[in-house]
Amino acid sequence: MYREILTIIGGFILPFAIIQVWGRLVNRWKVVGGFLSAFLIVGPIWLLNHGMTFSLIHQTGSAFVDMGLATGVGIFVYGLLGGKSFQKSLYLLSAALRGGLIAGILLYLVSK
């Protein structure tokens, strides 16, 4: 039960941080803010979830895109609850899935 709770917390942290910080940095510093957000938000949260000895998410078996899935679903639900239309929220979810797919393909090609 302990691992499941930590996994839920780990899955919540990234979409929450993206919703709270990413847009503000992009609005303030445009493209540089986007790169800064990726570096300052995704990197440290990945380390918190996976990269430490006592990380939040304990992955067993084959690779699973947990942070990408959590982010996509989190932003999708945030859009729906925030008053955006289903179509707009679905667009955000598909953008997250496309980004994850491209990242997965690139990682596969680099690790080959």
N, C-alpha and C. Protein backbone atom coordinates (compact mmCIF):
# COMPACT_ATOMS: atom_id res chain seq x y z
N MET A 1 0.82 -1.20 0.00
CA MET A 1 0.00 0.00 0.00
C MET A 1 0.87 1.27 0.00
N TYR A 2 2.01 1.19 0.67
CA TYR A 2 2.93 2.32 0.77
C TYR A 2 3.44 2.74 -0.61
N ARG A 3 3.83 1.77 -1.43
CA ARG A 3 4.34 2.07 -2.77
C ARG A 3 3.26 2.66 -3.66
N GLU A 4 2.04 2.18 -3.53
CA GLU A 4 0.95 2.70 -4.35
C GLU A 4 0.67 4.16 -4.02
N ILE A 5 0.70 4.50 -2.76
CA ILE A 5 0.47 5.90 -2.35
C ILE A 5 1.59 6.79 -2.87
N LEU A 6 2.84 6.34 -2.75
CA LEU A 6 3.96 7.12 -3.27
C LEU A 6 3.88 7.28 -4.78
N THR A 7 3.42 6.25 -5.48
CA THR A 7 3.27 6.34 -6.94
C THR A 7 2.21 7.36 -7.31
N ILE A 8 1.10 7.39 -6.58
CA ILE A 8 0.05 8.38 -6.84
C ILE A 8 0.59 9.79 -6.59
N ILE A 9 1.31 9.97 -5.51
CA ILE A 9 1.90 11.28 -5.21
C ILE A 9 2.90 11.67 -6.29
N GLY A 10 3.75 10.73 -6.70
CA GLY A 10 4.72 11.00 -7.76
C GLY A 10 4.05 11.35 -9.07
N GLY A 11 2.94 10.69 -9.38
CA GLY A 11 2.20 11.00 -10.60
C GLY A 11 1.47 12.32 -10.54
N PHE A 12 1.14 12.78 -9.35
CA PHE A 12 0.43 14.05 -9.18
C PHE A 12 1.37 15.25 -9.28
N ILE A 13 2.59 15.09 -8.82
CA ILE A 13 3.51 16.23 -8.70
C ILE A 13 3.80 16.90 -10.03
N LEU A 14 4.08 16.11 -11.08
CA LEU A 14 4.48 16.72 -12.36
C LEU A 14 3.36 17.51 -13.01
N PRO A 15 2.15 16.96 -13.20
CA PRO A 15 1.11 17.81 -13.81
C PRO A 15 0.79 19.03 -12.96
N PHE A 16 0.83 18.89 -11.65
CA PHE A 16 0.56 20.03 -10.78
C PHE A 16 1.60 21.13 -10.99
N ALA A 17 2.87 20.75 -11.03
CA ALA A 17 3.94 21.74 -11.23
C ALA A 17 3.84 22.38 -12.61
N ILE A 18 3.50 21.59 -13.61
CA ILE A 18 3.36 22.14 -14.97
C ILE A 18 2.23 23.15 -15.01
N ILE A 19 1.09 22.80 -14.41
CA ILE A 19 -0.06 23.72 -14.42
C ILE A 19 0.27 25.01 -13.67
N GLN A 20 1.00 24.90 -12.57
CA GLN A 20 1.28 26.07 -11.74
C GLN A 20 2.39 26.96 -12.28
N VAL A 21 3.42 26.39 -12.92
CA VAL A 21 4.63 27.15 -13.22
C VAL A 21 4.87 27.35 -14.71
N TRP A 22 4.65 26.34 -15.52
CA TRP A 22 5.07 26.36 -16.93
C TRP A 22 4.54 27.57 -17.68
N GLY A 23 3.25 27.80 -17.61
CA GLY A 23 2.64 28.92 -18.34
C GLY A 23 3.18 30.27 -17.92
N ARG A 24 3.44 30.42 -16.65
CA ARG A 24 3.99 31.69 -16.16
C ARG A 24 5.38 31.96 -16.72
N LEU A 25 6.21 30.93 -16.76
CA LEU A 25 7.55 31.11 -17.31
C LEU A 25 7.51 31.39 -18.81
N VAL A 26 6.61 30.72 -19.52
CA VAL A 26 6.49 30.95 -20.97
C VAL A 26 5.94 32.35 -21.23
N ASN A 27 4.96 32.78 -20.47
CA ASN A 27 4.42 34.13 -20.65
C ASN A 27 5.47 35.20 -20.39
N ARG A 28 6.32 34.95 -19.44
CA ARG A 28 7.33 35.95 -19.08
C ARG A 28 8.53 35.95 -20.02
N TRP A 29 9.05 34.73 -20.36
CA TRP A 29 10.29 34.66 -21.14
C TRP A 29 10.13 33.94 -22.48
N LYS A 30 8.90 33.74 -22.93
CA LYS A 30 8.61 33.14 -24.24
C LYS A 30 9.32 31.79 -24.41
N VAL A 31 10.05 31.60 -25.50
CA VAL A 31 10.67 30.32 -25.81
C VAL A 31 11.68 29.92 -24.74
N VAL A 32 12.45 30.87 -24.26
CA VAL A 32 13.42 30.58 -23.20
C VAL A 32 12.70 30.06 -21.96
N GLY A 33 11.52 30.61 -21.67
CA GLY A 33 10.73 30.15 -20.54
C GLY A 33 10.28 28.71 -20.70
N GLY A 34 9.99 28.30 -21.94
CA GLY A 34 9.61 26.92 -22.20
C GLY A 34 10.76 25.96 -21.94
N PHE A 35 11.95 26.32 -22.43
CA PHE A 35 13.12 25.47 -22.17
C PHE A 35 13.48 25.47 -20.69
N LEU A 36 13.36 26.62 -20.06
CA LEU A 36 13.63 26.72 -18.63
C LEU A 36 12.66 25.84 -17.84
N SER A 37 11.40 25.87 -18.23
CA SER A 37 10.39 25.04 -17.57
C SER A 37 10.72 23.57 -17.70
N ALA A 38 11.08 23.16 -18.91
CA ALA A 38 11.42 21.75 -19.12
C ALA A 38 12.60 21.34 -18.25
N PHE A 39 13.58 22.21 -18.15
CA PHE A 39 14.78 21.90 -17.38
C PHE A 39 14.51 21.94 -15.87
N LEU A 40 13.78 22.96 -15.42
CA LEU A 40 13.58 23.17 -13.98
C LEU A 40 12.43 22.36 -13.39
N ILE A 41 11.48 21.94 -14.23
CA ILE A 41 10.33 21.20 -13.70
C ILE A 41 10.49 19.71 -13.95
N VAL A 42 10.61 19.32 -15.21
CA VAL A 42 10.61 17.90 -15.55
C VAL A 42 11.84 17.18 -15.01
N GLY A 43 13.02 17.77 -15.16
CA GLY A 43 14.25 17.12 -14.70
C GLY A 43 14.25 16.79 -13.21
N PRO A 44 14.06 17.78 -12.35
CA PRO A 44 14.06 17.49 -10.91
C PRO A 44 12.94 16.54 -10.47
N ILE A 45 11.78 16.64 -11.11
CA ILE A 45 10.69 15.74 -10.72
C ILE A 45 10.98 14.32 -11.20
N TRP A 46 11.63 14.18 -12.36
CA TRP A 46 12.04 12.84 -12.79
C TRP A 46 13.02 12.26 -11.77
N LEU A 47 13.98 13.08 -11.31
CA LEU A 47 14.92 12.59 -10.30
C LEU A 47 14.20 12.19 -9.02
N LEU A 48 13.22 12.98 -8.61
CA LEU A 48 12.45 12.66 -7.42
C LEU A 48 11.68 11.35 -7.60
N ASN A 49 11.10 11.16 -8.79
CA ASN A 49 10.29 9.97 -9.03
C ASN A 49 11.11 8.72 -9.31
N HIS A 50 12.23 8.85 -10.01
CA HIS A 50 12.95 7.67 -10.49
C HIS A 50 14.43 7.63 -10.18
N GLY A 51 15.09 8.76 -10.10
CA GLY A 51 16.54 8.78 -10.13
C GLY A 51 17.25 8.66 -8.81
N MET A 52 16.53 8.62 -7.72
CA MET A 52 17.19 8.56 -6.41
C MET A 52 17.09 7.16 -5.82
N THR A 53 17.89 6.89 -4.83
CA THR A 53 17.84 5.59 -4.16
C THR A 53 16.47 5.36 -3.54
N PHE A 54 15.92 6.37 -2.91
CA PHE A 54 14.60 6.26 -2.28
C PHE A 54 13.60 7.09 -3.07
N SER A 55 13.42 6.76 -4.34
CA SER A 55 12.53 7.53 -5.20
C SER A 55 11.07 7.20 -4.89
N LEU A 56 10.17 8.07 -5.37
CA LEU A 56 8.75 7.89 -5.09
C LEU A 56 8.15 6.72 -5.85
N ILE A 57 8.55 6.54 -7.11
CA ILE A 57 7.96 5.49 -7.94
C ILE A 57 8.95 4.34 -8.06
N HIS A 58 8.52 3.16 -7.65
CA HIS A 58 9.35 1.96 -7.73
C HIS A 58 8.88 1.15 -8.93
N GLN A 59 9.62 1.24 -10.01
CA GLN A 59 9.22 0.59 -11.25
C GLN A 59 9.81 -0.80 -11.31
N THR A 60 8.97 -1.76 -11.67
CA THR A 60 9.43 -3.12 -11.88
C THR A 60 9.01 -3.55 -13.28
N GLY A 61 9.75 -4.43 -13.88
CA GLY A 61 9.40 -4.93 -15.20
C GLY A 61 9.83 -3.98 -16.30
N SER A 62 9.13 -4.06 -17.42
CA SER A 62 9.50 -3.26 -18.59
C SER A 62 9.14 -1.79 -18.38
N ALA A 63 9.68 -0.95 -19.24
CA ALA A 63 9.49 0.50 -19.12
C ALA A 63 8.03 0.87 -19.34
N PHE A 64 7.58 1.86 -18.59
CA PHE A 64 6.22 2.37 -18.71
C PHE A 64 6.30 3.88 -18.61
N VAL A 65 5.56 4.55 -19.45
CA VAL A 65 5.65 6.02 -19.52
C VAL A 65 4.72 6.61 -18.47
N ASP A 66 5.09 6.49 -17.22
CA ASP A 66 4.21 6.93 -16.14
C ASP A 66 4.13 8.44 -16.03
N MET A 67 5.24 9.15 -16.12
CA MET A 67 5.19 10.61 -15.97
C MET A 67 4.49 11.25 -17.15
N GLY A 68 4.72 10.75 -18.35
CA GLY A 68 4.04 11.30 -19.53
C GLY A 68 2.55 11.05 -19.47
N LEU A 69 2.17 9.85 -19.07
CA LEU A 69 0.75 9.51 -18.96
C LEU A 69 0.09 10.34 -17.86
N ALA A 70 0.75 10.45 -16.72
CA ALA A 70 0.19 11.25 -15.62
C ALA A 70 0.03 12.71 -16.03
N THR A 71 1.01 13.24 -16.76
CA THR A 71 0.92 14.63 -17.21
C THR A 71 -0.21 14.81 -18.21
N GLY A 72 -0.31 13.91 -19.18
CA GLY A 72 -1.38 14.01 -20.18
C GLY A 72 -2.76 13.93 -19.55
N VAL A 73 -2.96 12.96 -18.68
CA VAL A 73 -4.26 12.82 -18.03
C VAL A 73 -4.53 13.98 -17.08
N GLY A 74 -3.50 14.41 -16.35
CA GLY A 74 -3.68 15.53 -15.42
C GLY A 74 -4.06 16.82 -16.11
N ILE A 75 -3.40 17.13 -17.23
CA ILE A 75 -3.72 18.35 -17.98
C ILE A 75 -5.10 18.22 -18.62
N PHE A 76 -5.44 17.02 -19.10
CA PHE A 76 -6.76 16.77 -19.69
C PHE A 76 -7.87 17.04 -18.68
N VAL A 77 -7.74 16.46 -17.49
CA VAL A 77 -8.75 16.65 -16.45
C VAL A 77 -8.79 18.10 -15.98
N TYR A 78 -7.63 18.73 -15.85
CA TYR A 78 -7.58 20.14 -15.47
C TYR A 78 -8.33 20.99 -16.49
N GLY A 79 -8.14 20.70 -17.76
CA GLY A 79 -8.85 21.44 -18.80
C GLY A 79 -10.35 21.25 -18.70
N LEU A 80 -10.79 20.02 -18.46
CA LEU A 80 -12.23 19.77 -18.34
C LEU A 80 -12.82 20.46 -17.11
N LEU A 81 -12.14 20.34 -15.98
CA LEU A 81 -12.65 20.95 -14.75
C LEU A 81 -12.50 22.47 -14.75
N GLY A 82 -11.57 22.98 -15.56
CA GLY A 82 -11.35 24.42 -15.65
C GLY A 82 -12.28 25.13 -16.61
N GLY A 83 -13.23 24.40 -17.18
CA GLY A 83 -14.21 25.03 -18.05
C GLY A 83 -13.89 24.99 -19.53
N LYS A 84 -12.80 24.35 -19.90
CA LYS A 84 -12.49 24.23 -21.32
C LYS A 84 -13.39 23.16 -21.93
N SER A 85 -13.63 23.27 -23.22
CA SER A 85 -14.49 22.29 -23.90
C SER A 85 -13.77 20.94 -23.97
N PHE A 86 -14.56 19.91 -24.17
CA PHE A 86 -14.00 18.56 -24.29
C PHE A 86 -13.04 18.50 -25.47
N GLN A 87 -13.38 19.17 -26.57
CA GLN A 87 -12.54 19.16 -27.76
C GLN A 87 -11.18 19.81 -27.47
N LYS A 88 -11.19 20.94 -26.77
CA LYS A 88 -9.94 21.63 -26.42
C LYS A 88 -9.11 20.76 -25.47
N SER A 89 -9.77 20.12 -24.50
CA SER A 89 -9.06 19.25 -23.57
C SER A 89 -8.51 18.03 -24.29
N LEU A 90 -9.26 17.51 -25.24
CA LEU A 90 -8.80 16.36 -26.01
C LEU A 90 -7.58 16.73 -26.86
N TYR A 91 -7.58 17.96 -27.38
CA TYR A 91 -6.42 18.45 -28.13
C TYR A 91 -5.18 18.49 -27.23
N LEU A 92 -5.34 18.96 -26.00
CA LEU A 92 -4.21 19.01 -25.06
C LEU A 92 -3.70 17.60 -24.75
N LEU A 93 -4.63 16.66 -24.57
CA LEU A 93 -4.24 15.28 -24.30
C LEU A 93 -3.50 14.69 -25.49
N SER A 94 -4.01 14.94 -26.70
CA SER A 94 -3.35 14.38 -27.88
C SER A 94 -1.97 15.01 -28.09
N ALA A 95 -1.82 16.29 -27.75
CA ALA A 95 -0.50 16.93 -27.85
C ALA A 95 0.49 16.27 -26.89
N ALA A 96 0.04 15.96 -25.68
CA ALA A 96 0.90 15.29 -24.71
C ALA A 96 1.27 13.89 -25.19
N LEU A 97 0.32 13.18 -25.76
CA LEU A 97 0.60 11.84 -26.26
C LEU A 97 1.56 11.87 -27.45
N ARG A 98 1.37 12.84 -28.34
CA ARG A 98 2.28 12.97 -29.49
C ARG A 98 3.70 13.31 -29.02
N GLY A 99 3.81 14.20 -28.06
CA GLY A 99 5.13 14.54 -27.51
C GLY A 99 5.80 13.34 -26.87
N GLY A 100 5.03 12.56 -26.13
CA GLY A 100 5.57 11.35 -25.52
C GLY A 100 6.00 10.32 -26.55
N LEU A 101 5.23 10.20 -27.62
CA LEU A 101 5.57 9.27 -28.70
C LEU A 101 6.88 9.68 -29.38
N ILE A 102 7.00 10.95 -29.68
CA ILE A 102 8.23 11.45 -30.31
C ILE A 102 9.43 11.23 -29.39
N ALA A 103 9.25 11.54 -28.11
CA ALA A 103 10.35 11.34 -27.14
C ALA A 103 10.73 9.87 -27.04
N GLY A 104 9.74 8.99 -27.03
CA GLY A 104 10.02 7.55 -26.96
C GLY A 104 10.78 7.06 -28.18
N ILE A 105 10.39 7.52 -29.35
CA ILE A 105 11.09 7.13 -30.58
C ILE A 105 12.53 7.64 -30.56
N LEU A 106 12.71 8.89 -30.15
CA LEU A 106 14.07 9.44 -30.09
C LEU A 106 14.94 8.69 -29.08
N LEU A 107 14.37 8.37 -27.93
CA LEU A 107 15.14 7.61 -26.93
C LEU A 107 15.51 6.23 -27.45
N TYR A 108 14.59 5.61 -28.17
CA TYR A 108 14.89 4.30 -28.75
C TYR A 108 16.03 4.40 -29.76
N LEU A 109 15.97 5.41 -30.62
CA LEU A 109 17.01 5.58 -31.64
C LEU A 109 18.37 5.91 -31.02
N VAL A 110 18.36 6.72 -29.97
CA VAL A 110 19.62 7.09 -29.32
C VAL A 110 20.23 5.90 -28.58
N SER A 111 19.41 5.08 -27.96
CA SER A 111 19.92 3.97 -27.16
C SER A 111 20.30 2.76 -28.01
N LYS A 112 19.97 2.78 -29.27
CA LYS A 112 20.24 1.65 -30.15
C LYS A 112 21.69 1.48 -30.45
